[in-house]
Amino acid sequence: MLPPDLPRLPALTRAEGELIDRYLEVVDLLGRINPARGRDTYGGLRAAQALVTKAAALRDALTVMHQRGESEVHAETLTRALRVLDGERRAGRVTVPPRSGS
Protein backbone atom coordinates (compact mmCIF):
# COMPACT_ATOMS: atom_id res chain seq x y z
CA MET A 1 0.00 0.00 0.00
CA LEU A 2 1.38 3.41 -0.98
CA PRO A 3 1.30 6.41 1.36
CA PRO A 4 -1.19 9.15 0.47
CA ASP A 5 -0.02 11.75 -2.01
CA LEU A 6 1.26 14.94 -0.45
CA PRO A 7 -0.19 18.23 -1.66
CA ARG A 8 1.75 19.72 -4.54
CA LEU A 9 4.06 22.62 -3.93
CA PRO A 10 2.77 25.73 -5.73
CA ALA A 11 4.79 27.13 -8.61
CA LEU A 12 7.49 29.41 -7.20
CA THR A 13 10.29 31.39 -8.75
CA ARG A 14 13.75 30.11 -7.86
CA ALA A 15 14.17 33.11 -5.56
CA GLU A 16 10.84 32.43 -3.82
CA GLY A 17 11.82 28.81 -3.30
CA GLU A 18 15.12 29.93 -1.83
CA LEU A 19 13.30 32.37 0.46
CA ILE A 20 10.97 29.64 1.75
CA ASP A 21 13.84 27.19 2.30
CA ARG A 22 16.02 29.71 4.15
CA TYR A 23 13.07 30.96 6.23
CA LEU A 24 12.22 27.44 7.38
CA GLU A 25 15.86 26.77 8.27
CA VAL A 26 15.81 29.85 10.52
CA VAL A 27 12.48 28.81 12.04
CA ASP A 28 13.82 25.32 12.77
CA LEU A 29 16.85 26.78 14.53
CA LEU A 30 14.75 29.20 16.56
CA GLY A 31 12.62 26.25 17.63
CA ARG A 32 15.73 24.46 18.87
CA ILE A 33 16.85 27.58 20.75
CA ASN A 34 13.44 28.23 22.36
CA PRO A 35 14.10 27.92 26.12
CA ALA A 36 10.49 26.91 26.75
CA ARG A 37 10.96 23.82 24.59
CA GLY A 38 14.66 23.10 24.88
CA ARG A 39 16.23 20.12 26.56
CA ASP A 40 19.84 21.14 26.98
CA THR A 41 22.04 24.19 26.63
CA TYR A 42 24.45 22.55 24.20
CA GLY A 43 21.75 21.95 21.57
CA GLY A 44 20.55 25.54 21.95
CA LEU A 45 24.10 26.83 21.71
CA ARG A 46 24.77 24.89 18.51
CA ALA A 47 21.50 26.13 16.99
CA ALA A 48 22.31 29.73 17.97
CA GLN A 49 25.73 29.45 16.33
CA ALA A 50 24.18 28.11 13.13
CA LEU A 51 21.49 30.80 13.20
CA VAL A 52 23.98 33.49 12.23
CA THR A 53 24.84 31.74 8.96
CA LYS A 54 21.23 30.82 8.16
CA ALA A 55 19.99 34.36 8.87
CA ALA A 56 22.60 35.70 6.45
CA ALA A 57 21.40 33.21 3.83
CA LEU A 58 17.81 34.37 4.39
CA ARG A 59 18.93 37.98 3.95
CA ASP A 60 20.74 37.01 0.76
CA ALA A 61 17.63 35.29 -0.63
CA LEU A 62 15.59 38.44 -0.03
CA THR A 63 18.35 40.57 -1.55
CA VAL A 64 18.32 38.46 -4.73
CA MET A 65 14.54 38.79 -4.98
CA HIS A 66 14.77 42.56 -4.57
CA GLN A 67 17.59 42.89 -7.10
CA ARG A 68 15.67 40.81 -9.64
CA GLY A 69 12.71 43.15 -9.36
CA GLU A 70 10.57 40.75 -7.32
CA SER A 71 9.32 43.55 -5.09
CA GLU A 72 6.02 41.93 -4.09
CA VAL A 73 5.65 39.03 -1.73
CA HIS A 74 2.85 36.79 -2.94
CA ALA A 75 1.71 35.85 0.54
CA GLU A 76 -1.08 33.49 -0.50
CA THR A 77 1.21 31.39 -2.69
CA LEU A 78 4.04 31.43 -0.18
CA THR A 79 1.62 30.46 2.60
CA ARG A 80 0.55 27.43 0.57
CA ALA A 81 4.20 26.48 0.10
CA LEU A 82 4.87 26.83 3.83
CA ARG A 83 1.90 24.58 4.63
CA VAL A 84 3.05 21.90 2.17
CA LEU A 85 6.49 22.00 3.81
CA ASP A 86 5.01 21.60 7.33
CA GLY A 87 5.67 25.24 8.19
CA GLU A 88 2.83 25.48 10.71
CA ARG A 89 4.23 22.70 12.90
CA ARG A 90 7.79 23.93 12.50
CA ALA A 91 6.86 27.53 13.40
CA GLY A 92 4.83 26.25 16.35
CA ARG A 93 8.05 25.19 18.03
CA VAL A 94 9.07 28.86 18.25
CA THR A 95 6.09 29.80 20.42
CA VAL A 96 5.62 29.41 24.17
CA PRO A 97 3.71 26.19 24.91
CA PRO A 98 0.17 26.59 26.27
CA ARG A 99 -0.32 26.47 30.02
CA SER A 100 -0.83 23.02 31.44
CA GLY A 101 -4.28 22.19 32.77
CA SER A 102 -3.13 21.79 36.39
PDB file of N, CA and C in Angstrom:
ATOM      1  N   MET A   1       0.845  -1.177   0.000  1.00  0.00           N
ATOM      2  CA  MET A   1       0.000   0.000   0.000  1.00  0.00           C
ATOM      3  C   MET A   1       0.893   1.245   0.000  1.00  0.00           C
ATOM      4  N   LEU A   2       0.593   2.182  -0.857  1.00  0.00           N
ATOM      5  CA  LEU A   2       1.376   3.409  -0.977  1.00  0.00           C
ATOM      6  C   LEU A   2       0.856   4.461  -0.003  1.00  0.00           C
ATOM      7  N   PRO A   3       1.761   5.321   0.498  1.00  0.00           N
ATOM      8  CA  PRO A   3       1.299   6.413   1.364  1.00  0.00           C
ATOM      9  C   PRO A   3       0.474   7.405   0.554  1.00  0.00           C
ATOM     10  N   PRO A   4      -0.375   8.177   1.217  1.00  0.00           N
ATOM     11  CA  PRO A   4      -1.190   9.152   0.472  1.00  0.00           C
ATOM     12  C   PRO A   4      -0.295  10.206  -0.183  1.00  0.00           C
ATOM     13  N   ASP A   5      -0.760  10.708  -1.311  1.00  0.00           N
ATOM     14  CA  ASP A   5      -0.016  11.755  -2.014  1.00  0.00           C
ATOM     15  C   ASP A   5      -0.003  13.027  -1.184  1.00  0.00           C
ATOM     16  N   LEU A   6       1.153  13.651  -1.128  1.00  0.00           N
ATOM     17  CA  LEU A   6       1.264  14.942  -0.453  1.00  0.00           C
ATOM     18  C   LEU A   6       0.729  16.025  -1.374  1.00  0.00           C
ATOM     19  N   PRO A   7       0.239  17.130  -0.805  1.00  0.00           N
ATOM     20  CA  PRO A   7      -0.190  18.234  -1.663  1.00  0.00           C
ATOM     21  C   PRO A   7       0.992  18.727  -2.494  1.00  0.00           C
ATOM     22  N   ARG A   8       0.692  19.226  -3.648  1.00  0.00           N
ATOM     23  CA  ARG A   8       1.752  19.722  -4.543  1.00  0.00           C
ATOM     24  C   ARG A   8       2.206  21.092  -4.093  1.00  0.00           C
ATOM     25  N   LEU A   9       3.475  21.319  -4.211  1.00  0.00           N
ATOM     26  CA  LEU A   9       4.061  22.623  -3.933  1.00  0.00           C
ATOM     27  C   LEU A   9       3.624  23.583  -5.035  1.00  0.00           C
ATOM     28  N   PRO A  10       3.169  24.794  -4.675  1.00  0.00           N
ATOM     29  CA  PRO A  10       2.770  25.732  -5.730  1.00  0.00           C
ATOM     30  C   PRO A  10       3.980  26.161  -6.559  1.00  0.00           C
ATOM     31  N   ALA A  11       3.718  26.655  -7.753  1.00  0.00           N
ATOM     32  CA  ALA A  11       4.793  27.135  -8.612  1.00  0.00           C
ATOM     33  C   ALA A  11       5.427  28.365  -7.981  1.00  0.00           C
ATOM     34  N   LEU A  12       6.736  28.307  -7.800  1.00  0.00           N
ATOM     35  CA  LEU A  12       7.494  29.411  -7.205  1.00  0.00           C
ATOM     36  C   LEU A  12       8.643  29.773  -8.121  1.00  0.00           C
ATOM     37  N   THR A  13       9.053  31.029  -8.070  1.00  0.00           N
ATOM     38  CA  THR A  13      10.290  31.389  -8.748  1.00  0.00           C
ATOM     39  C   THR A  13      11.436  30.745  -7.962  1.00  0.00           C
ATOM     40  N   ARG A  14      12.587  30.664  -8.566  1.00  0.00           N
ATOM     41  CA  ARG A  14      13.750  30.114  -7.861  1.00  0.00           C
ATOM     42  C   ARG A  14      14.036  30.927  -6.608  1.00  0.00           C
ATOM     43  N   ALA A  15      13.912  32.242  -6.711  1.00  0.00           N
ATOM     44  CA  ALA A  15      14.167  33.113  -5.559  1.00  0.00           C
ATOM     45  C   ALA A  15      13.131  32.893  -4.453  1.00  0.00           C
ATOM     46  N   GLU A  16      11.866  32.702  -4.827  1.00  0.00           N
ATOM     47  CA  GLU A  16      10.836  32.432  -3.815  1.00  0.00           C
ATOM     48  C   GLU A  16      11.094  31.089  -3.115  1.00  0.00           C
ATOM     49  N   GLY A  17      11.489  30.100  -3.880  1.00  0.00           N
ATOM     50  CA  GLY A  17      11.817  28.808  -3.303  1.00  0.00           C
ATOM     51  C   GLY A  17      12.982  28.919  -2.323  1.00  0.00           C
ATOM     52  N   GLU A  18      13.965  29.693  -2.705  1.00  0.00           N
ATOM     53  CA  GLU A  18      15.120  29.926  -1.829  1.00  0.00           C
ATOM     54  C   GLU A  18      14.678  30.652  -0.554  1.00  0.00           C
ATOM     55  N   LEU A  19      13.817  31.641  -0.698  1.00  0.00           N
ATOM     56  CA  LEU A  19      13.299  32.374   0.463  1.00  0.00           C
ATOM     57  C   LEU A  19      12.598  31.421   1.423  1.00  0.00           C
ATOM     58  N   ILE A  20      11.715  30.580   0.910  1.00  0.00           N
ATOM     59  CA  ILE A  20      10.975  29.642   1.753  1.00  0.00           C
ATOM     60  C   ILE A  20      11.940  28.675   2.448  1.00  0.00           C
ATOM     61  N   ASP A  21      12.885  28.131   1.707  1.00  0.00           N
ATOM     62  CA  ASP A  21      13.842  27.190   2.297  1.00  0.00           C
ATOM     63  C   ASP A  21      14.668  27.838   3.402  1.00  0.00           C
ATOM     64  N   ARG A  22      15.184  29.032   3.141  1.00  0.00           N
ATOM     65  CA  ARG A  22      16.023  29.711   4.149  1.00  0.00           C
ATOM     66  C   ARG A  22      15.194  30.117   5.362  1.00  0.00           C
ATOM     67  N   TYR A  23      13.953  30.570   5.124  1.00  0.00           N
ATOM     68  CA  TYR A  23      13.069  30.956   6.230  1.00  0.00           C
ATOM     69  C   TYR A  23      12.815  29.764   7.147  1.00  0.00           C
ATOM     70  N   LEU A  24      12.505  28.617   6.558  1.00  0.00           N
ATOM     71  CA  LEU A  24      12.221  27.439   7.375  1.00  0.00           C
ATOM     72  C   LEU A  24      13.463  26.954   8.126  1.00  0.00           C
ATOM     73  N   GLU A  25      14.629  27.119   7.542  1.00  0.00           N
ATOM     74  CA  GLU A  25      15.858  26.772   8.268  1.00  0.00           C
ATOM     75  C   GLU A  25      16.004  27.638   9.520  1.00  0.00           C
ATOM     76  N   VAL A  26      15.735  28.936   9.374  1.00  0.00           N
ATOM     77  CA  VAL A  26      15.814  29.849  10.519  1.00  0.00           C
ATOM     78  C   VAL A  26      14.767  29.480  11.563  1.00  0.00           C
ATOM     79  N   VAL A  27      13.549  29.191  11.121  1.00  0.00           N
ATOM     80  CA  VAL A  27      12.480  28.810  12.044  1.00  0.00           C
ATOM     81  C   VAL A  27      12.863  27.540  12.811  1.00  0.00           C
ATOM     82  N   ASP A  28      13.412  26.558  12.108  1.00  0.00           N
ATOM     83  CA  ASP A  28      13.824  25.320  12.769  1.00  0.00           C
ATOM     84  C   ASP A  28      14.867  25.588  13.851  1.00  0.00           C
ATOM     85  N   LEU A  29      15.818  26.452  13.547  1.00  0.00           N
ATOM     86  CA  LEU A  29      16.854  26.777  14.533  1.00  0.00           C
ATOM     87  C   LEU A  29      16.270  27.534  15.718  1.00  0.00           C
ATOM     88  N   LEU A  30      15.386  28.473  15.455  1.00  0.00           N
ATOM     89  CA  LEU A  30      14.751  29.199  16.561  1.00  0.00           C
ATOM     90  C   LEU A  30      13.953  28.244  17.452  1.00  0.00           C
ATOM     91  N   GLY A  31      13.329  27.248  16.850  1.00  0.00           N
ATOM     92  CA  GLY A  31      12.619  26.246  17.630  1.00  0.00           C
ATOM     93  C   GLY A  31      13.552  25.462  18.531  1.00  0.00           C
ATOM     94  N   ARG A  32      14.755  25.183  18.048  1.00  0.00           N
ATOM     95  CA  ARG A  32      15.733  24.457  18.868  1.00  0.00           C
ATOM     96  C   ARG A  32      16.296  25.328  19.978  1.00  0.00           C
ATOM     97  N   ILE A  33      16.321  26.647  19.757  1.00  0.00           N
ATOM     98  CA  ILE A  33      16.848  27.583  20.754  1.00  0.00           C
ATOM     99  C   ILE A  33      15.805  27.912  21.813  1.00  0.00           C
ATOM    100  N   ASN A  34      14.537  27.828  21.480  1.00  0.00           N
ATOM    101  CA  ASN A  34      13.437  28.225  22.362  1.00  0.00           C
ATOM    102  C   ASN A  34      13.620  27.620  23.760  1.00  0.00           C
ATOM    103  N   PRO A  35      13.857  28.457  24.780  1.00  0.00           N
ATOM    104  CA  PRO A  35      14.099  27.916  26.124  1.00  0.00           C
ATOM    105  C   PRO A  35      12.874  27.233  26.724  1.00  0.00           C
ATOM    106  N   ALA A  36      11.694  27.548  26.238  1.00  0.00           N
ATOM    107  CA  ALA A  36      10.486  26.906  26.753  1.00  0.00           C
ATOM    108  C   ALA A  36      10.332  25.482  26.221  1.00  0.00           C
ATOM    109  N   ARG A  37      11.077  25.146  25.193  1.00  0.00           N
ATOM    110  CA  ARG A  37      10.956  23.822  24.588  1.00  0.00           C
ATOM    111  C   ARG A  37      12.280  23.073  24.553  1.00  0.00           C
ATOM    112  N   GLY A  38      13.346  23.716  24.962  1.00  0.00           N
ATOM    113  CA  GLY A  38      14.662  23.102  24.880  1.00  0.00           C
ATOM    114  C   GLY A  38      14.878  22.017  25.909  1.00  0.00           C
ATOM    115  N   ARG A  39      15.881  21.190  25.636  1.00  0.00           N
ATOM    116  CA  ARG A  39      16.226  20.120  26.558  1.00  0.00           C
ATOM    117  C   ARG A  39      17.596  20.323  27.180  1.00  0.00           C
ATOM    118  N   ASP A  40      18.494  20.940  26.440  1.00  0.00           N
ATOM    119  CA  ASP A  40      19.836  21.136  26.981  1.00  0.00           C
ATOM    120  C   ASP A  40      20.448  22.395  26.387  1.00  0.00           C
ATOM    121  N   THR A  41      21.418  22.947  27.083  1.00  0.00           N
ATOM    122  CA  THR A  41      22.044  24.186  26.628  1.00  0.00           C
ATOM    123  C   THR A  41      22.934  23.962  25.411  1.00  0.00           C
ATOM    124  N   TYR A  42      23.542  22.793  25.313  1.00  0.00           N
ATOM    125  CA  TYR A  42      24.447  22.553  24.196  1.00  0.00           C
ATOM    126  C   TYR A  42      23.704  22.576  22.859  1.00  0.00           C
ATOM    127  N   GLY A  43      22.534  21.934  22.798  1.00  0.00           N
ATOM    128  CA  GLY A  43      21.747  21.952  21.567  1.00  0.00           C
ATOM    129  C   GLY A  43      21.317  23.366  21.193  1.00  0.00           C
ATOM    130  N   GLY A  44      20.914  24.149  22.204  1.00  0.00           N
ATOM    131  CA  GLY A  44      20.551  25.539  21.953  1.00  0.00           C
ATOM    132  C   GLY A  44      21.732  26.363  21.490  1.00  0.00           C
ATOM    133  N   LEU A  45      22.884  26.120  22.098  1.00  0.00           N
ATOM    134  CA  LEU A  45      24.101  26.834  21.707  1.00  0.00           C
ATOM    135  C   LEU A  45      24.468  26.539  20.263  1.00  0.00           C
ATOM    136  N   ARG A  46      24.439  25.262  19.889  1.00  0.00           N
ATOM    137  CA  ARG A  46      24.771  24.888  18.505  1.00  0.00           C
ATOM    138  C   ARG A  46      23.792  25.519  17.512  1.00  0.00           C
ATOM    139  N   ALA A  47      22.506  25.520  17.864  1.00  0.00           N
ATOM    140  CA  ALA A  47      21.502  26.127  16.990  1.00  0.00           C
ATOM    141  C   ALA A  47      21.725  27.632  16.880  1.00  0.00           C
ATOM    142  N   ALA A  48      22.065  28.281  17.995  1.00  0.00           N
ATOM    143  CA  ALA A  48      22.315  29.728  17.971  1.00  0.00           C
ATOM    144  C   ALA A  48      23.528  30.059  17.104  1.00  0.00           C
ATOM    145  N   GLN A  49      24.545  29.224  17.171  1.00  0.00           N
ATOM    146  CA  GLN A  49      25.728  29.450  16.332  1.00  0.00           C
ATOM    147  C   GLN A  49      25.387  29.308  14.854  1.00  0.00           C
ATOM    148  N   ALA A  50      24.577  28.322  14.521  1.00  0.00           N
ATOM    149  CA  ALA A  50      24.182  28.110  13.126  1.00  0.00           C
ATOM    150  C   ALA A  50      23.228  29.194  12.635  1.00  0.00           C
ATOM    151  N   LEU A  51      22.486  29.793  13.568  1.00  0.00           N
ATOM    152  CA  LEU A  51      21.494  30.805  13.197  1.00  0.00           C
ATOM    153  C   LEU A  51      22.129  31.987  12.467  1.00  0.00           C
ATOM    154  N   VAL A  52      23.307  32.353  12.863  1.00  0.00           N
ATOM    155  CA  VAL A  52      23.983  33.493  12.226  1.00  0.00           C
ATOM    156  C   VAL A  52      24.144  33.246  10.727  1.00  0.00           C
ATOM    157  N   THR A  53      24.628  32.075  10.371  1.00  0.00           N
ATOM    158  CA  THR A  53      24.837  31.737   8.962  1.00  0.00           C
ATOM    159  C   THR A  53      23.515  31.638   8.214  1.00  0.00           C
ATOM    160  N   LYS A  54      22.531  31.008   8.829  1.00  0.00           N
ATOM    161  CA  LYS A  54      21.233  30.823   8.165  1.00  0.00           C
ATOM    162  C   LYS A  54      20.490  32.144   8.011  1.00  0.00           C
ATOM    163  N   ALA A  55      20.619  33.037   8.991  1.00  0.00           N
ATOM    164  CA  ALA A  55      19.985  34.356   8.873  1.00  0.00           C
ATOM    165  C   ALA A  55      20.617  35.145   7.730  1.00  0.00           C
ATOM    166  N   ALA A  56      21.926  35.022   7.564  1.00  0.00           N
ATOM    167  CA  ALA A  56      22.596  35.698   6.447  1.00  0.00           C
ATOM    168  C   ALA A  56      22.121  35.125   5.113  1.00  0.00           C
ATOM    169  N   ALA A  57      21.903  33.821   5.055  1.00  0.00           N
ATOM    170  CA  ALA A  57      21.400  33.205   3.826  1.00  0.00           C
ATOM    171  C   ALA A  57      19.974  33.670   3.528  1.00  0.00           C
ATOM    172  N   LEU A  58      19.167  33.837   4.569  1.00  0.00           N
ATOM    173  CA  LEU A  58      17.814  34.369   4.391  1.00  0.00           C
ATOM    174  C   LEU A  58      17.870  35.794   3.867  1.00  0.00           C
ATOM    175  N   ARG A  59      18.738  36.600   4.445  1.00  0.00           N
ATOM    176  CA  ARG A  59      18.926  37.978   3.954  1.00  0.00           C
ATOM    177  C   ARG A  59      19.341  37.970   2.493  1.00  0.00           C
ATOM    178  N   ASP A  60      20.270  37.078   2.135  1.00  0.00           N
ATOM    179  CA  ASP A  60      20.743  37.009   0.758  1.00  0.00           C
ATOM    180  C   ASP A  60      19.628  36.606  -0.204  1.00  0.00           C
ATOM    181  N   ALA A  61      18.759  35.698   0.224  1.00  0.00           N
ATOM    182  CA  ALA A  61      17.633  35.291  -0.629  1.00  0.00           C
ATOM    183  C   ALA A  61      16.703  36.470  -0.890  1.00  0.00           C
ATOM    184  N   LEU A  62      16.435  37.251   0.151  1.00  0.00           N
ATOM    185  CA  LEU A  62      15.591  38.443  -0.026  1.00  0.00           C
ATOM    186  C   LEU A  62      16.286  39.498  -0.889  1.00  0.00           C
ATOM    187  N   THR A  63      17.586  39.617  -0.737  1.00  0.00           N
ATOM    188  CA  THR A  63      18.351  40.566  -1.554  1.00  0.00           C
ATOM    189  C   THR A  63      18.257  40.200  -3.031  1.00  0.00           C
ATOM    190  N   VAL A  64      18.408  38.923  -3.337  1.00  0.00           N
ATOM    191  CA  VAL A  64      18.316  38.464  -4.727  1.00  0.00           C
ATOM    192  C   VAL A  64      16.928  38.771  -5.291  1.00  0.00           C
ATOM    193  N   MET A  65      15.896  38.490  -4.511  1.00  0.00           N
ATOM    194  CA  MET A  65      14.539  38.793  -4.981  1.00  0.00           C
ATOM    195  C   MET A  65      14.404  40.278  -5.295  1.00  0.00           C
ATOM    196  N   HIS A  66      14.877  41.113  -4.386  1.00  0.00           N
ATOM    197  CA  HIS A  66      14.767  42.563  -4.573  1.00  0.00           C
ATOM    198  C   HIS A  66      15.552  43.011  -5.808  1.00  0.00           C
ATOM    199  N   GLN A  67      16.760  42.503  -5.968  1.00  0.00           N
ATOM    200  CA  GLN A  67      17.588  42.894  -7.101  1.00  0.00           C
ATOM    201  C   GLN A  67      17.003  42.439  -8.431  1.00  0.00           C
ATOM    202  N   ARG A  68      16.282  41.329  -8.421  1.00  0.00           N
ATOM    203  CA  ARG A  68      15.668  40.810  -9.640  1.00  0.00           C
ATOM    204  C   ARG A  68      14.345  41.491  -9.951  1.00  0.00           C
ATOM    205  N   GLY A  69      13.946  42.427  -9.108  1.00  0.00           N
ATOM    206  CA  GLY A  69      12.708  43.148  -9.355  1.00  0.00           C
ATOM    207  C   GLY A  69      11.483  42.465  -8.772  1.00  0.00           C
ATOM    208  N   GLU A  70      11.692  41.427  -7.979  1.00  0.00           N
ATOM    209  CA  GLU A  70      10.572  40.754  -7.316  1.00  0.00           C
ATOM    210  C   GLU A  70      10.276  41.537  -6.037  1.00  0.00           C
ATOM    211  N   SER A  71       9.557  42.650  -6.217  1.00  0.00           N
ATOM    212  CA  SER A  71       9.325  43.554  -5.091  1.00  0.00           C
ATOM    213  C   SER A  71       8.097  43.179  -4.271  1.00  0.00           C
ATOM    214  N   GLU A  72       7.225  42.347  -4.817  1.00  0.00           N
ATOM    215  CA  GLU A  72       6.021  41.934  -4.095  1.00  0.00           C
ATOM    216  C   GLU A  72       6.221  40.541  -3.515  1.00  0.00           C
ATOM    217  N   VAL A  73       5.689  40.358  -2.321  1.00  0.00           N
ATOM    218  CA  VAL A  73       5.648  39.027  -1.727  1.00  0.00           C
ATOM    219  C   VAL A  73       4.244  38.496  -1.967  1.00  0.00           C
ATOM    220  N   HIS A  74       4.152  37.395  -2.656  1.00  0.00           N
ATOM    221  CA  HIS A  74       2.847  36.789  -2.944  1.00  0.00           C
ATOM    222  C   HIS A  74       2.486  35.882  -1.772  1.00  0.00           C
ATOM    223  N   ALA A  75       1.921  36.512  -0.747  1.00  0.00           N
ATOM    224  CA  ALA A  75       1.705  35.849   0.539  1.00  0.00           C
ATOM    225  C   ALA A  75       0.837  34.599   0.415  1.00  0.00           C
ATOM    226  N   GLU A  76      -0.195  34.648  -0.389  1.00  0.00           N
ATOM    227  CA  GLU A  76      -1.083  33.488  -0.505  1.00  0.00           C
ATOM    228  C   GLU A  76      -0.337  32.275  -1.059  1.00  0.00           C
ATOM    229  N   THR A  77       0.447  32.478  -2.093  1.00  0.00           N
ATOM    230  CA  THR A  77       1.210  31.390  -2.695  1.00  0.00           C
ATOM    231  C   THR A  77       2.288  30.891  -1.737  1.00  0.00           C
ATOM    232  N   LEU A  78       2.975  31.824  -1.104  1.00  0.00           N
ATOM    233  CA  LEU A  78       4.039  31.433  -0.181  1.00  0.00           C
ATOM    234  C   LEU A  78       3.467  30.741   1.059  1.00  0.00           C
ATOM    235  N   THR A  79       2.281  31.137   1.482  1.00  0.00           N
ATOM    236  CA  THR A  79       1.621  30.463   2.595  1.00  0.00           C
ATOM    237  C   THR A  79       1.307  29.016   2.230  1.00  0.00           C
ATOM    238  N   ARG A  80       0.829  28.798   1.016  1.00  0.00           N
ATOM    239  CA  ARG A  80       0.552  27.426   0.571  1.00  0.00           C
ATOM    240  C   ARG A  80       1.831  26.598   0.569  1.00  0.00           C
ATOM    241  N   ALA A  81       2.917  27.193   0.104  1.00  0.00           N
ATOM    242  CA  ALA A  81       4.201  26.482   0.099  1.00  0.00           C
ATOM    243  C   ALA A  81       4.638  26.141   1.519  1.00  0.00           C
ATOM    244  N   LEU A  82       4.488  27.088   2.435  1.00  0.00           N
ATOM    245  CA  LEU A  82       4.866  26.829   3.829  1.00  0.00           C
ATOM    246  C   LEU A  82       4.041  25.693   4.414  1.00  0.00           C
ATOM    247  N   ARG A  83       2.761  25.659   4.099  1.00  0.00           N
ATOM    248  CA  ARG A  83       1.905  24.582   4.627  1.00  0.00           C
ATOM    249  C   ARG A  83       2.313  23.227   4.068  1.00  0.00           C
ATOM    250  N   VAL A  84       2.621  23.158   2.779  1.00  0.00           N
ATOM    251  CA  VAL A  84       3.055  21.900   2.166  1.00  0.00           C
ATOM    252  C   VAL A  84       4.343  21.412   2.835  1.00  0.00           C
ATOM    253  N   LEU A  85       5.205  22.348   3.204  1.00  0.00           N
ATOM    254  CA  LEU A  85       6.493  22.002   3.811  1.00  0.00           C
ATOM    255  C   LEU A  85       6.424  21.930   5.333  1.00  0.00           C
ATOM    256  N   ASP A  86       5.230  21.790   5.887  1.00  0.00           N
ATOM    257  CA  ASP A  86       5.011  21.604   7.326  1.00  0.00           C
ATOM    258  C   ASP A  86       5.421  22.835   8.137  1.00  0.00           C
ATOM    259  N   GLY A  87       5.273  23.996   7.534  1.00  0.00           N
ATOM    260  CA  GLY A  87       5.674  25.237   8.188  1.00  0.00           C
ATOM    261  C   GLY A  87       4.896  25.564   9.447  1.00  0.00           C
ATOM    262  N   GLU A  88       3.628  25.180   9.508  1.00  0.00           N
ATOM    263  CA  GLU A  88       2.832  25.480  10.711  1.00  0.00           C
ATOM    264  C   GLU A  88       3.391  24.742  11.923  1.00  0.00           C
ATOM    265  N   ARG A  89       3.681  23.469  11.780  1.00  0.00           N
ATOM    266  CA  ARG A  89       4.234  22.703  12.897  1.00  0.00           C
ATOM    267  C   ARG A  89       5.620  23.224  13.270  1.00  0.00           C
ATOM    268  N   ARG A  90       6.427  23.482  12.250  1.00  0.00           N
ATOM    269  CA  ARG A  90       7.794  23.933  12.496  1.00  0.00           C
ATOM    270  C   ARG A  90       7.801  25.288  13.192  1.00  0.00           C
ATOM    271  N   ALA A  91       6.937  26.202  12.764  1.00  0.00           N
ATOM    272  CA  ALA A  91       6.855  27.527  13.398  1.00  0.00           C
ATOM    273  C   ALA A  91       6.263  27.432  14.798  1.00  0.00           C
ATOM    274  N   GLY A  92       5.418  26.437  15.028  1.00  0.00           N
ATOM    275  CA  GLY A  92       4.829  26.254  16.350  1.00  0.00           C
ATOM    276  C   GLY A  92       5.854  25.985  17.426  1.00  0.00           C
ATOM    277  N   ARG A  93       6.999  25.464  17.059  1.00  0.00           N
ATOM    278  CA  ARG A  93       8.055  25.190  18.034  1.00  0.00           C
ATOM    279  C   ARG A  93       8.730  26.459  18.527  1.00  0.00           C
ATOM    280  N   VAL A  94       8.482  27.586  17.852  1.00  0.00           N
ATOM    281  CA  VAL A  94       9.074  28.857  18.249  1.00  0.00           C
ATOM    282  C   VAL A  94       8.245  29.513  19.358  1.00  0.00           C
ATOM    283  N   THR A  95       6.982  29.162  19.466  1.00  0.00           N
ATOM    284  CA  THR A  95       6.085  29.803  20.423  1.00  0.00           C
ATOM    285  C   THR A  95       6.223  29.213  21.824  1.00  0.00           C
ATOM    286  N   VAL A  96       5.661  29.908  22.797  1.00  0.00           N
ATOM    287  CA  VAL A  96       5.615  29.409  24.167  1.00  0.00           C
ATOM    288  C   VAL A  96       4.497  28.375  24.240  1.00  0.00           C
ATOM    289  N   PRO A  97       4.774  27.206  24.822  1.00  0.00           N
ATOM    290  CA  PRO A  97       3.714  26.186  24.915  1.00  0.00           C
ATOM    291  C   PRO A  97       2.530  26.691  25.740  1.00  0.00           C
ATOM    292  N   PRO A  98       1.340  26.176  25.470  1.00  0.00           N
ATOM    293  CA  PRO A  98       0.167  26.590  26.268  1.00  0.00           C
ATOM    294  C   PRO A  98       0.339  26.142  27.714  1.00  0.00           C
ATOM    295  N   ARG A  99      -0.358  26.843  28.592  1.00  0.00           N
ATOM    296  CA  ARG A  99      -0.321  26.468  30.016  1.00  0.00           C
ATOM    297  C   ARG A  99      -0.869  25.065  30.189  1.00  0.00           C
ATOM    298  N   SER A 100      -0.299  24.365  31.151  1.00  0.00           N
ATOM    299  CA  SER A 100      -0.829  23.023  31.440  1.00  0.00           C
ATOM    300  C   SER A 100      -2.136  23.164  32.200  1.00  0.00           C
ATOM    301  N   GLY A 101      -2.953  22.146  32.165  1.00  0.00           N
ATOM    302  CA  GLY A 101      -4.279  22.188  32.771  1.00  0.00           C
ATOM    303  C   GLY A 101      -4.285  21.961  34.262  1.00  0.00           C
ATOM    304  N   SER A 102      -3.148  22.075  34.949  1.00  0.00           N
ATOM    305  CA  SER A 102      -3.129  21.786  36.387  1.00  0.00           C
ATOM    306  C   SER A 102      -3.562  22.921  37.254  1.00  0.00           C
TER     307      SER A 102
END
